[in-house]
Amino acid sequence: GLTLAQQEVLFVGGKGGVGKTTTASALALRLAERGERCLLVSTD
């Protein structure tokens, strides 16, 4: 599992088609359901 501190900004990146959007979305939803206010931004 990832070890996150209190980083305010997270970048999820990689080669096209490897599942960046899925990873970013799953991480954002997980954090949101833990009670953190999250903004998920797509720049692709």
ModelCIF file with pLDDT and N, C-alpha, C, O atoms, coordinates in Angstrom:
data_MODEL
#
_entry.id   MODEL 
#
_entity.id                         1 
_entity.type                       polymer 
_entity.pdbx_number_of_molecules   1 
#
_entity_poly.entity_id                      1 
_entity_poly.type                           'polypeptide(L)' 
_entity_poly.nstd_linkage                   no 
_entity_poly.nstd_monomer                   no 
_entity_poly.pdbx_seq_one_letter_code       GLTLAQQEVLFVGGKGGVGKTTTASALALRLAERGERCLLVSTD 
_entity_poly.pdbx_seq_one_letter_code_can   GLTLAQQEVLFVGGKGGVGKTTTASALALRLAERGERCLLVSTD 
_entity_poly.pdbx_strand_id                 A 
#
loop_
_entity_poly_seq.entity_id 
_entity_poly_seq.num 
_entity_poly_seq.mon_id 
_entity_poly_seq.hetero 
1 1  GLY n 
1 2  LEU n 
1 3  THR n 
1 4  LEU n 
1 5  ALA n 
1 6  GLN n 
1 7  GLN n 
1 8  GLU n 
1 9  VAL n 
1 10 LEU n 
1 11 PHE n 
1 12 VAL n 
1 13 GLY n 
1 14 GLY n 
1 15 LYS n 
1 16 GLY n 
1 17 GLY n 
1 18 VAL n 
1 19 GLY n 
1 20 LYS n 
1 21 THR n 
1 22 THR n 
1 23 THR n 
1 24 ALA n 
1 25 SER n 
1 26 ALA n 
1 27 LEU n 
1 28 ALA n 
1 29 LEU n 
1 30 ARG n 
1 31 LEU n 
1 32 ALA n 
1 33 GLU n 
1 34 ARG n 
1 35 GLY n 
1 36 GLU n 
1 37 ARG n 
1 38 CYS n 
1 39 LEU n 
1 40 LEU n 
1 41 VAL n 
1 42 SER n 
1 43 THR n 
1 44 ASP n 
#
_struct_asym.id          A 
_struct_asym.entity_id   1 
#
loop_
_ma_qa_metric.id 
_ma_qa_metric.mode 
_ma_qa_metric.name 
_ma_qa_metric.software_group_id 
_ma_qa_metric.type 
1 global pLDDT . pLDDT 
2 local  pLDDT . pLDDT 
#
_ma_qa_metric_global.metric_id      1 
_ma_qa_metric_global.metric_value   92.18 
_ma_qa_metric_global.model_id       1 
_ma_qa_metric_global.ordinal_id     1 
#
loop_
_ma_qa_metric_local.label_asym_id 
_ma_qa_metric_local.label_comp_id 
_ma_qa_metric_local.label_seq_id 
_ma_qa_metric_local.metric_id 
_ma_qa_metric_local.metric_value 
_ma_qa_metric_local.model_id 
_ma_qa_metric_local.ordinal_id 
A GLY 1  2 71.00 1 1  
A LEU 2  2 82.00 1 2  
A THR 3  2 82.00 1 3  
A LEU 4  2 87.00 1 4  
A ALA 5  2 83.00 1 5  
A GLN 6  2 86.00 1 6  
A GLN 7  2 94.00 1 7  
A GLU 8  2 95.00 1 8  
A VAL 9  2 95.00 1 9  
A LEU 10 2 96.00 1 10 
A PHE 11 2 94.00 1 11 
A VAL 12 2 95.00 1 12 
A GLY 13 2 91.00 1 13 
A GLY 14 2 91.00 1 14 
A LYS 15 2 89.00 1 15 
A GLY 16 2 86.00 1 16 
A GLY 17 2 88.00 1 17 
A VAL 18 2 93.00 1 18 
A GLY 19 2 93.00 1 19 
A LYS 20 2 93.00 1 20 
A THR 21 2 93.00 1 21 
A THR 22 2 94.00 1 22 
A THR 23 2 96.00 1 23 
A ALA 24 2 95.00 1 24 
A SER 25 2 96.00 1 25 
A ALA 26 2 96.00 1 26 
A LEU 27 2 97.00 1 27 
A ALA 28 2 97.00 1 28 
A LEU 29 2 97.00 1 29 
A ARG 30 2 96.00 1 30 
A LEU 31 2 97.00 1 31 
A ALA 32 2 97.00 1 32 
A GLU 33 2 96.00 1 33 
A ARG 34 2 95.00 1 34 
A GLY 35 2 96.00 1 35 
A GLU 36 2 97.00 1 36 
A ARG 37 2 97.00 1 37 
A CYS 38 2 97.00 1 38 
A LEU 39 2 97.00 1 39 
A LEU 40 2 97.00 1 40 
A VAL 41 2 95.00 1 41 
A SER 42 2 92.00 1 42 
A THR 43 2 86.00 1 43 
A ASP 44 2 76.00 1 44 
#
loop_
_atom_site.group_PDB 
_atom_site.id 
_atom_site.type_symbol 
_atom_site.label_atom_id 
_atom_site.label_alt_id 
_atom_site.label_comp_id 
_atom_site.label_asym_id 
_atom_site.label_entity_id 
_atom_site.label_seq_id 
_atom_site.pdbx_PDB_ins_code 
_atom_site.Cartn_x 
_atom_site.Cartn_y 
_atom_site.Cartn_z 
_atom_site.occupancy 
_atom_site.B_iso_or_equiv 
_atom_site.pdbx_formal_charge 
_atom_site.auth_seq_id 
_atom_site.auth_comp_id 
_atom_site.auth_asym_id 
_atom_site.auth_atom_id 
_atom_site.pdbx_PDB_model_num 
ATOM 1   N N  . GLY A 1 1  ? 0.818   -1.207 0.000   1.00 71.00 ? 1  GLY A N  1 
ATOM 2   C CA . GLY A 1 1  ? 0.000   0.000  0.000   1.00 71.00 ? 1  GLY A CA 1 
ATOM 3   C C  . GLY A 1 1  ? 0.850   1.255  0.000   1.00 71.00 ? 1  GLY A C  1 
ATOM 4   O O  . GLY A 1 1  ? 2.015   1.232  0.398   1.00 71.00 ? 1  GLY A O  1 
ATOM 5   N N  . LEU A 1 2  ? 0.263   2.337  -0.445  1.00 82.00 ? 2  LEU A N  1 
ATOM 6   C CA . LEU A 1 2  ? 0.964   3.620  -0.456  1.00 82.00 ? 2  LEU A CA 1 
ATOM 7   C C  . LEU A 1 2  ? 1.083   4.167  0.962   1.00 82.00 ? 2  LEU A C  1 
ATOM 8   O O  . LEU A 1 2  ? 0.201   3.971  1.798   1.00 82.00 ? 2  LEU A O  1 
ATOM 9   N N  . THR A 1 3  ? 2.180   4.850  1.211   1.00 82.00 ? 3  THR A N  1 
ATOM 10  C CA . THR A 1 3  ? 2.365   5.533  2.485   1.00 82.00 ? 3  THR A CA 1 
ATOM 11  C C  . THR A 1 3  ? 2.252   7.028  2.234   1.00 82.00 ? 3  THR A C  1 
ATOM 12  O O  . THR A 1 3  ? 3.176   7.657  1.719   1.00 82.00 ? 3  THR A O  1 
ATOM 13  N N  . LEU A 1 4  ? 1.105   7.587  2.607   1.00 87.00 ? 4  LEU A N  1 
ATOM 14  C CA . LEU A 1 4  ? 0.857   9.009  2.401   1.00 87.00 ? 4  LEU A CA 1 
ATOM 15  C C  . LEU A 1 4  ? 0.939   9.741  3.721   1.00 87.00 ? 4  LEU A C  1 
ATOM 16  O O  . LEU A 1 4  ? 0.452   9.261  4.745   1.00 87.00 ? 4  LEU A O  1 
ATOM 17  N N  . ALA A 1 5  ? 1.563   10.913 3.688   1.00 83.00 ? 5  ALA A N  1 
ATOM 18  C CA . ALA A 1 5  ? 1.533   11.809 4.836   1.00 83.00 ? 5  ALA A CA 1 
ATOM 19  C C  . ALA A 1 5  ? 0.375   12.782 4.614   1.00 83.00 ? 5  ALA A C  1 
ATOM 20  O O  . ALA A 1 5  ? -0.733  12.367 4.277   1.00 83.00 ? 5  ALA A O  1 
ATOM 21  N N  . GLN A 1 6  ? 0.631   14.055 4.799   1.00 86.00 ? 6  GLN A N  1 
ATOM 22  C CA . GLN A 1 6  ? -0.429  15.048 4.608   1.00 86.00 ? 6  GLN A CA 1 
ATOM 23  C C  . GLN A 1 6  ? -0.192  15.870 3.350   1.00 86.00 ? 6  GLN A C  1 
ATOM 24  O O  . GLN A 1 6  ? -0.541  17.050 3.308   1.00 86.00 ? 6  GLN A O  1 
ATOM 25  N N  . GLN A 1 7  ? 0.401   15.258 2.317   1.00 94.00 ? 7  GLN A N  1 
ATOM 26  C CA . GLN A 1 7  ? 0.632   15.997 1.069   1.00 94.00 ? 7  GLN A CA 1 
ATOM 27  C C  . GLN A 1 7  ? -0.687  16.558 0.543   1.00 94.00 ? 7  GLN A C  1 
ATOM 28  O O  . GLN A 1 7  ? -1.681  15.843 0.416   1.00 94.00 ? 7  GLN A O  1 
ATOM 29  N N  . GLU A 1 8  ? -0.668  17.846 0.245   1.00 95.00 ? 8  GLU A N  1 
ATOM 30  C CA . GLU A 1 8  ? -1.883  18.502 -0.246  1.00 95.00 ? 8  GLU A CA 1 
ATOM 31  C C  . GLU A 1 8  ? -2.121  18.228 -1.725  1.00 95.00 ? 8  GLU A C  1 
ATOM 32  O O  . GLU A 1 8  ? -3.266  18.230 -2.177  1.00 95.00 ? 8  GLU A O  1 
ATOM 33  N N  . VAL A 1 9  ? -1.051  17.992 -2.484  1.00 95.00 ? 9  VAL A N  1 
ATOM 34  C CA . VAL A 1 9  ? -1.154  17.809 -3.928  1.00 95.00 ? 9  VAL A CA 1 
ATOM 35  C C  . VAL A 1 9  ? -0.498  16.498 -4.315  1.00 95.00 ? 9  VAL A C  1 
ATOM 36  O O  . VAL A 1 9  ? 0.647   16.236 -3.948  1.00 95.00 ? 9  VAL A O  1 
ATOM 37  N N  . LEU A 1 10 ? -1.231  15.668 -5.062  1.00 96.00 ? 10 LEU A N  1 
ATOM 38  C CA . LEU A 1 10 ? -0.718  14.394 -5.545  1.00 96.00 ? 10 LEU A CA 1 
ATOM 39  C C  . LEU A 1 10 ? -0.845  14.349 -7.062  1.00 96.00 ? 10 LEU A C  1 
ATOM 40  O O  . LEU A 1 10 ? -1.887  14.700 -7.615  1.00 96.00 ? 10 LEU A O  1 
ATOM 41  N N  . PHE A 1 11 ? 0.224   13.916 -7.735  1.00 94.00 ? 11 PHE A N  1 
ATOM 42  C CA . PHE A 1 11 ? 0.198   13.706 -9.172  1.00 94.00 ? 11 PHE A CA 1 
ATOM 43  C C  . PHE A 1 11 ? 0.244   12.211 -9.442  1.00 94.00 ? 11 PHE A C  1 
ATOM 44  O O  . PHE A 1 11 ? 1.096   11.504 -8.903  1.00 94.00 ? 11 PHE A O  1 
ATOM 45  N N  . VAL A 1 12 ? -0.674  11.729 -10.278 1.00 95.00 ? 12 VAL A N  1 
ATOM 46  C CA . VAL A 1 12 ? -0.669  10.329 -10.695 1.00 95.00 ? 12 VAL A CA 1 
ATOM 47  C C  . VAL A 1 12 ? -0.389  10.322 -12.190 1.00 95.00 ? 12 VAL A C  1 
ATOM 48  O O  . VAL A 1 12 ? -1.195  10.822 -12.975 1.00 95.00 ? 12 VAL A O  1 
ATOM 49  N N  . GLY A 1 13 ? 0.758   9.757  -12.592 1.00 91.00 ? 13 GLY A N  1 
ATOM 50  C CA . GLY A 1 13 ? 1.168   9.818  -13.995 1.00 91.00 ? 13 GLY A CA 1 
ATOM 51  C C  . GLY A 1 13 ? 1.770   8.519  -14.479 1.00 91.00 ? 13 GLY A C  1 
ATOM 52  O O  . GLY A 1 13 ? 1.963   7.583  -13.704 1.00 91.00 ? 13 GLY A O  1 
ATOM 53  N N  . GLY A 1 14 ? 2.068   8.467  -15.767 1.00 91.00 ? 14 GLY A N  1 
ATOM 54  C CA . GLY A 1 14 ? 2.657   7.286  -16.383 1.00 91.00 ? 14 GLY A CA 1 
ATOM 55  C C  . GLY A 1 14 ? 2.352   7.267  -17.871 1.00 91.00 ? 14 GLY A C  1 
ATOM 56  O O  . GLY A 1 14 ? 1.730   8.185  -18.406 1.00 91.00 ? 14 GLY A O  1 
ATOM 57  N N  . LYS A 1 15 ? 2.792   6.229  -18.515 1.00 89.00 ? 15 LYS A N  1 
ATOM 58  C CA . LYS A 1 15 ? 2.564   6.071  -19.950 1.00 89.00 ? 15 LYS A CA 1 
ATOM 59  C C  . LYS A 1 15 ? 1.069   5.955  -20.234 1.00 89.00 ? 15 LYS A C  1 
ATOM 60  O O  . LYS A 1 15 ? 0.309   5.467  -19.398 1.00 89.00 ? 15 LYS A O  1 
ATOM 61  N N  . GLY A 1 16 ? 0.656   6.400  -21.402 1.00 86.00 ? 16 GLY A N  1 
ATOM 62  C CA . GLY A 1 16 ? -0.761  6.315  -21.755 1.00 86.00 ? 16 GLY A CA 1 
ATOM 63  C C  . GLY A 1 16 ? -1.270  4.886  -21.738 1.00 86.00 ? 16 GLY A C  1 
ATOM 64  O O  . GLY A 1 16 ? -0.601  3.978  -22.231 1.00 86.00 ? 16 GLY A O  1 
ATOM 65  N N  . GLY A 1 17 ? -2.451  4.683  -21.173 1.00 88.00 ? 17 GLY A N  1 
ATOM 66  C CA . GLY A 1 17 ? -3.100  3.385  -21.205 1.00 88.00 ? 17 GLY A CA 1 
ATOM 67  C C  . GLY A 1 17 ? -2.734  2.421  -20.097 1.00 88.00 ? 17 GLY A C  1 
ATOM 68  O O  . GLY A 1 17 ? -3.108  1.250  -20.157 1.00 88.00 ? 17 GLY A O  1 
ATOM 69  N N  . VAL A 1 18 ? -1.998  2.888  -19.068 1.00 93.00 ? 18 VAL A N  1 
ATOM 70  C CA . VAL A 1 18 ? -1.587  1.954  -18.004 1.00 93.00 ? 18 VAL A CA 1 
ATOM 71  C C  . VAL A 1 18 ? -2.538  1.981  -16.810 1.00 93.00 ? 18 VAL A C  1 
ATOM 72  O O  . VAL A 1 18 ? -2.372  1.196  -15.877 1.00 93.00 ? 18 VAL A O  1 
ATOM 73  N N  . GLY A 1 19 ? -3.522  2.863  -16.822 1.00 93.00 ? 19 GLY A N  1 
ATOM 74  C CA . GLY A 1 19 ? -4.484  2.899  -15.724 1.00 93.00 ? 19 GLY A CA 1 
ATOM 75  C C  . GLY A 1 19 ? -4.304  4.059  -14.770 1.00 93.00 ? 19 GLY A C  1 
ATOM 76  O O  . GLY A 1 19 ? -4.621  3.938  -13.586 1.00 93.00 ? 19 GLY A O  1 
ATOM 77  N N  . LYS A 1 20 ? -3.794  5.195  -15.266 1.00 93.00 ? 20 LYS A N  1 
ATOM 78  C CA . LYS A 1 20 ? -3.604  6.361  -14.403 1.00 93.00 ? 20 LYS A CA 1 
ATOM 79  C C  . LYS A 1 20 ? -4.933  6.882  -13.859 1.00 93.00 ? 20 LYS A C  1 
ATOM 80  O O  . LYS A 1 20 ? -5.059  7.161  -12.667 1.00 93.00 ? 20 LYS A O  1 
ATOM 81  N N  . THR A 1 21 ? -5.919  7.010  -14.744 1.00 93.00 ? 21 THR A N  1 
ATOM 82  C CA . THR A 1 21 ? -7.209  7.562  -14.321 1.00 93.00 ? 21 THR A CA 1 
ATOM 83  C C  . THR A 1 21 ? -7.868  6.665  -13.288 1.00 93.00 ? 21 THR A C  1 
ATOM 84  O O  . THR A 1 21 ? -8.423  7.153  -12.304 1.00 93.00 ? 21 THR A O  1 
ATOM 85  N N  . THR A 1 22 ? -7.812  5.358  -13.504 1.00 94.00 ? 22 THR A N  1 
ATOM 86  C CA . THR A 1 22 ? -8.382  4.416  -12.548 1.00 94.00 ? 22 THR A CA 1 
ATOM 87  C C  . THR A 1 22 ? -7.688  4.540  -11.199 1.00 94.00 ? 22 THR A C  1 
ATOM 88  O O  . THR A 1 22 ? -8.343  4.578  -10.158 1.00 94.00 ? 22 THR A O  1 
ATOM 89  N N  . THR A 1 23 ? -6.357  4.601  -11.222 1.00 96.00 ? 23 THR A N  1 
ATOM 90  C CA . THR A 1 23 ? -5.590  4.712  -9.975  1.00 96.00 ? 23 THR A CA 1 
ATOM 91  C C  . THR A 1 23 ? -5.908  6.008  -9.248  1.00 96.00 ? 23 THR A C  1 
ATOM 92  O O  . THR A 1 23 ? -6.170  6.000  -8.045  1.00 96.00 ? 23 THR A O  1 
ATOM 93  N N  . ALA A 1 24 ? -5.887  7.131  -9.979  1.00 95.00 ? 24 ALA A N  1 
ATOM 94  C CA . ALA A 1 24 ? -6.175  8.430  -9.361  1.00 95.00 ? 24 ALA A CA 1 
ATOM 95  C C  . ALA A 1 24 ? -7.587  8.461  -8.791  1.00 95.00 ? 24 ALA A C  1 
ATOM 96  O O  . ALA A 1 24 ? -7.804  8.977  -7.694  1.00 95.00 ? 24 ALA A O  1 
ATOM 97  N N  . SER A 1 25 ? -8.543  7.914  -9.528  1.00 96.00 ? 25 SER A N  1 
ATOM 98  C CA . SER A 1 25 ? -9.940  7.931  -9.086  1.00 96.00 ? 25 SER A CA 1 
ATOM 99  C C  . SER A 1 25 ? -10.139 7.052  -7.861  1.00 96.00 ? 25 SER A C  1 
ATOM 100 O O  . SER A 1 25 ? -10.827 7.442  -6.918  1.00 96.00 ? 25 SER A O  1 
ATOM 101 N N  . ALA A 1 26 ? -9.532  5.854  -7.874  1.00 96.00 ? 26 ALA A N  1 
ATOM 102 C CA . ALA A 1 26 ? -9.665  4.950  -6.734  1.00 96.00 ? 26 ALA A CA 1 
ATOM 103 C C  . ALA A 1 26 ? -9.027  5.558  -5.491  1.00 96.00 ? 26 ALA A C  1 
ATOM 104 O O  . ALA A 1 26 ? -9.573  5.452  -4.393  1.00 96.00 ? 26 ALA A O  1 
ATOM 105 N N  . LEU A 1 27 ? -7.873  6.193  -5.665  1.00 97.00 ? 27 LEU A N  1 
ATOM 106 C CA . LEU A 1 27 ? -7.199  6.828  -4.535  1.00 97.00 ? 27 LEU A CA 1 
ATOM 107 C C  . LEU A 1 27 ? -8.027  7.985  -3.985  1.00 97.00 ? 27 LEU A C  1 
ATOM 108 O O  . LEU A 1 27 ? -8.172  8.129  -2.771  1.00 97.00 ? 27 LEU A O  1 
ATOM 109 N N  . ALA A 1 28 ? -8.570  8.811  -4.882  1.00 97.00 ? 28 ALA A N  1 
ATOM 110 C CA . ALA A 1 28 ? -9.374  9.955  -4.448  1.00 97.00 ? 28 ALA A CA 1 
ATOM 111 C C  . ALA A 1 28 ? -10.626 9.501  -3.702  1.00 97.00 ? 28 ALA A C  1 
ATOM 112 O O  . ALA A 1 28 ? -10.980 10.074 -2.672  1.00 97.00 ? 28 ALA A O  1 
ATOM 113 N N  . LEU A 1 29 ? -11.296 8.472  -4.223  1.00 97.00 ? 29 LEU A N  1 
ATOM 114 C CA . LEU A 1 29 ? -12.509 7.978  -3.570  1.00 97.00 ? 29 LEU A CA 1 
ATOM 115 C C  . LEU A 1 29 ? -12.181 7.386  -2.204  1.00 97.00 ? 29 LEU A C  1 
ATOM 116 O O  . LEU A 1 29 ? -12.922 7.578  -1.240  1.00 97.00 ? 29 LEU A O  1 
ATOM 117 N N  . ARG A 1 30 ? -11.060 6.661  -2.130  1.00 96.00 ? 30 ARG A N  1 
ATOM 118 C CA . ARG A 1 30 ? -10.645 6.068  -0.854  1.00 96.00 ? 30 ARG A CA 1 
ATOM 119 C C  . ARG A 1 30 ? -10.399 7.155  0.196   1.00 96.00 ? 30 ARG A C  1 
ATOM 120 O O  . ARG A 1 30 ? -10.853 7.040  1.335   1.00 96.00 ? 30 ARG A O  1 
ATOM 121 N N  . LEU A 1 31 ? -9.684  8.198  -0.192  1.00 97.00 ? 31 LEU A N  1 
ATOM 122 C CA . LEU A 1 31 ? -9.398  9.293  0.738   1.00 97.00 ? 31 LEU A CA 1 
ATOM 123 C C  . LEU A 1 31 ? -10.670 10.040 1.129   1.00 97.00 ? 31 LEU A C  1 
ATOM 124 O O  . LEU A 1 31 ? -10.845 10.428 2.284   1.00 97.00 ? 31 LEU A O  1 
ATOM 125 N N  . ALA A 1 32 ? -11.559 10.236 0.146   1.00 97.00 ? 32 ALA A N  1 
ATOM 126 C CA . ALA A 1 32 ? -12.822 10.934 0.428   1.00 97.00 ? 32 ALA A CA 1 
ATOM 127 C C  . ALA A 1 32 ? -13.667 10.155 1.429   1.00 97.00 ? 32 ALA A C  1 
ATOM 128 O O  . ALA A 1 32 ? -14.289 10.740 2.315   1.00 97.00 ? 32 ALA A O  1 
ATOM 129 N N  . GLU A 1 33 ? -13.685 8.832  1.281   1.00 96.00 ? 33 GLU A N  1 
ATOM 130 C CA . GLU A 1 33 ? -14.492 8.016  2.185   1.00 96.00 ? 33 GLU A CA 1 
ATOM 131 C C  . GLU A 1 33 ? -13.843 7.896  3.563   1.00 96.00 ? 33 GLU A C  1 
ATOM 132 O O  . GLU A 1 33 ? -14.471 7.438  4.517   1.00 96.00 ? 33 GLU A O  1 
ATOM 133 N N  . ARG A 1 34 ? -12.596 8.308  3.653   1.00 95.00 ? 34 ARG A N  1 
ATOM 134 C CA . ARG A 1 34 ? -11.948 8.402  4.960   1.00 95.00 ? 34 ARG A CA 1 
ATOM 135 C C  . ARG A 1 34 ? -12.184 9.759  5.613   1.00 95.00 ? 34 ARG A C  1 
ATOM 136 O O  . ARG A 1 34 ? -11.698 10.021 6.714   1.00 95.00 ? 34 ARG A O  1 
ATOM 137 N N  . GLY A 1 35 ? -12.931 10.618 4.930   1.00 96.00 ? 35 GLY A N  1 
ATOM 138 C CA . GLY A 1 35 ? -13.300 11.904 5.518   1.00 96.00 ? 35 GLY A CA 1 
ATOM 139 C C  . GLY A 1 35 ? -12.526 13.102 5.014   1.00 96.00 ? 35 GLY A C  1 
ATOM 140 O O  . GLY A 1 35 ? -12.702 14.202 5.539   1.00 96.00 ? 35 GLY A O  1 
ATOM 141 N N  . GLU A 1 36 ? -11.663 12.928 3.999   1.00 97.00 ? 36 GLU A N  1 
ATOM 142 C CA . GLU A 1 36 ? -10.894 14.043 3.462   1.00 97.00 ? 36 GLU A CA 1 
ATOM 143 C C  . GLU A 1 36 ? -11.622 14.662 2.264   1.00 97.00 ? 36 GLU A C  1 
ATOM 144 O O  . GLU A 1 36 ? -12.161 13.956 1.412   1.00 97.00 ? 36 GLU A O  1 
ATOM 145 N N  . ARG A 1 37 ? -11.625 15.989 2.222   1.00 97.00 ? 37 ARG A N  1 
ATOM 146 C CA . ARG A 1 37 ? -12.195 16.696 1.074   1.00 97.00 ? 37 ARG A CA 1 
ATOM 147 C C  . ARG A 1 37 ? -11.190 16.638 -0.078  1.00 97.00 ? 37 ARG A C  1 
ATOM 148 O O  . ARG A 1 37 ? -10.061 17.112 0.052   1.00 97.00 ? 37 ARG A O  1 
ATOM 149 N N  . CYS A 1 38 ? -11.608 16.050 -1.212  1.00 97.00 ? 38 CYS A N  1 
ATOM 150 C CA . CYS A 1 38 ? -10.686 15.822 -2.324  1.00 97.00 ? 38 CYS A CA 1 
ATOM 151 C C  . CYS A 1 38 ? -11.217 16.435 -3.618  1.00 97.00 ? 38 CYS A C  1 
ATOM 152 O O  . CYS A 1 38 ? -12.413 16.387 -3.905  1.00 97.00 ? 38 CYS A O  1 
ATOM 153 N N  . LEU A 1 39 ? -10.294 17.012 -4.389  1.00 97.00 ? 39 LEU A N  1 
ATOM 154 C CA . LEU A 1 39 ? -10.594 17.469 -5.743  1.00 97.00 ? 39 LEU A CA 1 
ATOM 155 C C  . LEU A 1 39 ? -9.769  16.615 -6.698  1.00 97.00 ? 39 LEU A C  1 
ATOM 156 O O  . LEU A 1 39 ? -8.541  16.591 -6.617  1.00 97.00 ? 39 LEU A O  1 
ATOM 157 N N  . LEU A 1 40 ? -10.449 15.915 -7.599  1.00 97.00 ? 40 LEU A N  1 
ATOM 158 C CA . LEU A 1 40 ? -9.810  15.048 -8.582  1.00 97.00 ? 40 LEU A CA 1 
ATOM 159 C C  . LEU A 1 40 ? -9.804  15.776 -9.923  1.00 97.00 ? 40 LEU A C  1 
ATOM 160 O O  . LEU A 1 40 ? -10.861 16.094 -10.467 1.00 97.00 ? 40 LEU A O  1 
ATOM 161 N N  . VAL A 1 41 ? -8.609  16.040 -10.455 1.00 95.00 ? 41 VAL A N  1 
ATOM 162 C CA . VAL A 1 41 ? -8.461  16.878 -11.647 1.00 95.00 ? 41 VAL A CA 1 
ATOM 163 C C  . VAL A 1 41 ? -7.838  16.066 -12.772 1.00 95.00 ? 41 VAL A C  1 
ATOM 164 O O  . VAL A 1 41 ? -6.770  15.479 -12.596 1.00 95.00 ? 41 VAL A O  1 
ATOM 165 N N  . SER A 1 42 ? -8.492  16.029 -13.920 1.00 92.00 ? 42 SER A N  1 
ATOM 166 C CA . SER A 1 42 ? -7.935  15.385 -15.107 1.00 92.00 ? 42 SER A CA 1 
ATOM 167 C C  . SER A 1 42 ? -7.321  16.444 -16.012 1.00 92.00 ? 42 SER A C  1 
ATOM 168 O O  . SER A 1 42 ? -7.981  17.415 -16.381 1.00 92.00 ? 42 SER A O  1 
ATOM 169 N N  . THR A 1 43 ? -6.048  16.249 -16.368 1.00 86.00 ? 43 THR A N  1 
ATOM 170 C CA . THR A 1 43 ? -5.389  17.149 -17.315 1.00 86.00 ? 43 THR A CA 1 
ATOM 171 C C  . THR A 1 43 ? -5.131  16.465 -18.647 1.00 86.00 ? 43 THR A C  1 
ATOM 172 O O  . THR A 1 43 ? -4.583  17.076 -19.565 1.00 86.00 ? 43 THR A O  1 
ATOM 173 N N  . ASP A 1 44 ? -5.519  15.210 -18.756 1.00 76.00 ? 44 ASP A N  1 
ATOM 174 C CA . ASP A 1 44 ? -5.311  14.454 -19.994 1.00 76.00 ? 44 ASP A CA 1 
ATOM 175 C C  . ASP A 1 44 ? -6.369  14.871 -21.012 1.00 76.00 ? 44 ASP A C  1 
ATOM 176 O O  . ASP A 1 44 ? -6.385  14.359 -22.131 1.00 76.00 ? 44 ASP A O  1 
#
